[in-house]
Amino acid sequence: MVSNSLELVLSAYMTKEDITHILPFITEWSADEASAIYWFQNCIIPAFSLTAAEVCLQYDAKILIEYLHSSKFGGYA
């Protein structure tokens, strides 16, 4: 179960609809909510040289969702 604090962090960067698409990716890869928030705000995604939060700000959350979806199936940029 995802608590409100992860959703609150994500809501600063994306719509509620985008949150419903991205949560499965983040929660699948994260040990807990704190590590999910840390990843989103601090870990660089090599394909963008940005954090997930920065991708959402500089591009759009949908770009991040597309990237995560493609990487899940072996497509890396």
Protein backbone atom coordinates (compact mmCIF):
# COMPACT_ATOMS: atom_id res chain seq x y z
CA MET A 1 0.00 0.00 0.00
CA VAL A 2 1.24 3.48 -0.84
CA SER A 3 0.74 6.14 1.77
CA ASN A 4 -0.25 9.70 1.12
CA SER A 5 3.28 11.10 1.47
CA LEU A 6 4.58 9.42 -1.72
CA GLU A 7 1.49 10.56 -3.59
CA LEU A 8 1.95 14.05 -2.13
CA VAL A 9 5.54 14.21 -3.40
CA LEU A 10 4.48 12.98 -6.84
CA SER A 11 1.54 15.42 -7.00
CA ALA A 12 4.01 18.31 -7.04
CA TYR A 13 5.30 17.00 -10.40
CA MET A 14 2.38 15.33 -12.16
CA THR A 15 -1.35 14.88 -12.45
CA LYS A 16 -3.37 12.34 -10.51
CA GLU A 17 -3.75 10.30 -13.70
CA ASP A 18 0.02 10.26 -14.17
CA ILE A 19 0.46 9.18 -10.55
CA THR A 20 -1.75 6.14 -11.12
CA HIS A 21 0.47 5.14 -14.06
CA ILE A 22 3.82 5.69 -12.35
CA LEU A 23 3.09 4.23 -8.90
CA PRO A 24 3.32 0.59 -10.02
CA PHE A 25 6.81 1.18 -11.43
CA ILE A 26 8.10 3.03 -8.38
CA THR A 27 6.61 0.70 -5.79
CA GLU A 28 7.77 -2.43 -7.64
CA TRP A 29 11.39 -1.27 -7.58
CA SER A 30 11.48 0.30 -4.13
CA ALA A 31 11.91 -1.47 -0.82
CA ASP A 32 9.72 1.07 0.97
CA GLU A 33 8.14 4.48 0.61
CA ALA A 34 11.20 6.37 1.81
CA SER A 35 13.40 4.72 -0.82
CA ALA A 36 10.76 5.42 -3.50
CA ILE A 37 10.76 9.11 -2.63
CA TYR A 38 14.56 9.15 -2.49
CA TRP A 39 14.81 7.52 -5.93
CA PHE A 40 12.32 9.95 -7.46
CA GLN A 41 14.04 13.04 -6.10
CA ASN A 42 17.73 12.05 -6.07
CA CYS A 43 18.76 9.24 -8.40
CA ILE A 44 19.96 10.18 -11.87
CA ILE A 45 18.37 8.37 -14.81
CA PRO A 46 21.29 7.92 -17.24
CA ALA A 47 19.13 8.29 -20.36
CA PHE A 48 18.22 11.84 -19.31
CA SER A 49 21.10 12.77 -16.99
CA LEU A 50 18.32 13.97 -14.69
CA THR A 51 16.38 12.68 -11.71
CA ALA A 52 12.82 11.48 -12.26
CA ALA A 53 11.56 14.68 -10.64
CA GLU A 54 13.68 16.77 -13.01
CA VAL A 55 12.40 14.84 -16.04
CA CYS A 56 8.86 15.72 -14.98
CA LEU A 57 9.75 19.39 -14.56
CA GLN A 58 11.84 19.81 -17.70
CA TYR A 59 9.80 17.59 -19.99
CA ASP A 60 6.61 15.95 -18.77
CA ALA A 61 5.61 13.09 -16.49
CA LYS A 62 4.36 11.18 -19.52
CA ILE A 63 7.93 11.10 -20.90
CA LEU A 64 9.08 9.52 -17.63
CA ILE A 65 6.22 7.02 -17.70
CA GLU A 66 7.04 6.05 -21.29
CA TYR A 67 10.69 5.61 -20.39
CA LEU A 68 9.90 3.45 -17.35
CA HIS A 69 7.47 1.37 -19.38
CA SER A 70 10.01 0.76 -22.14
CA SER A 71 12.81 -0.01 -19.69
CA LYS A 72 10.63 -2.61 -17.99
CA PHE A 73 10.54 -4.48 -21.29
CA GLY A 74 14.23 -4.12 -22.06
CA GLY A 75 14.26 -0.92 -24.07
CA TYR A 76 16.96 1.41 -22.80
CA ALA A 77 18.07 4.73 -24.20
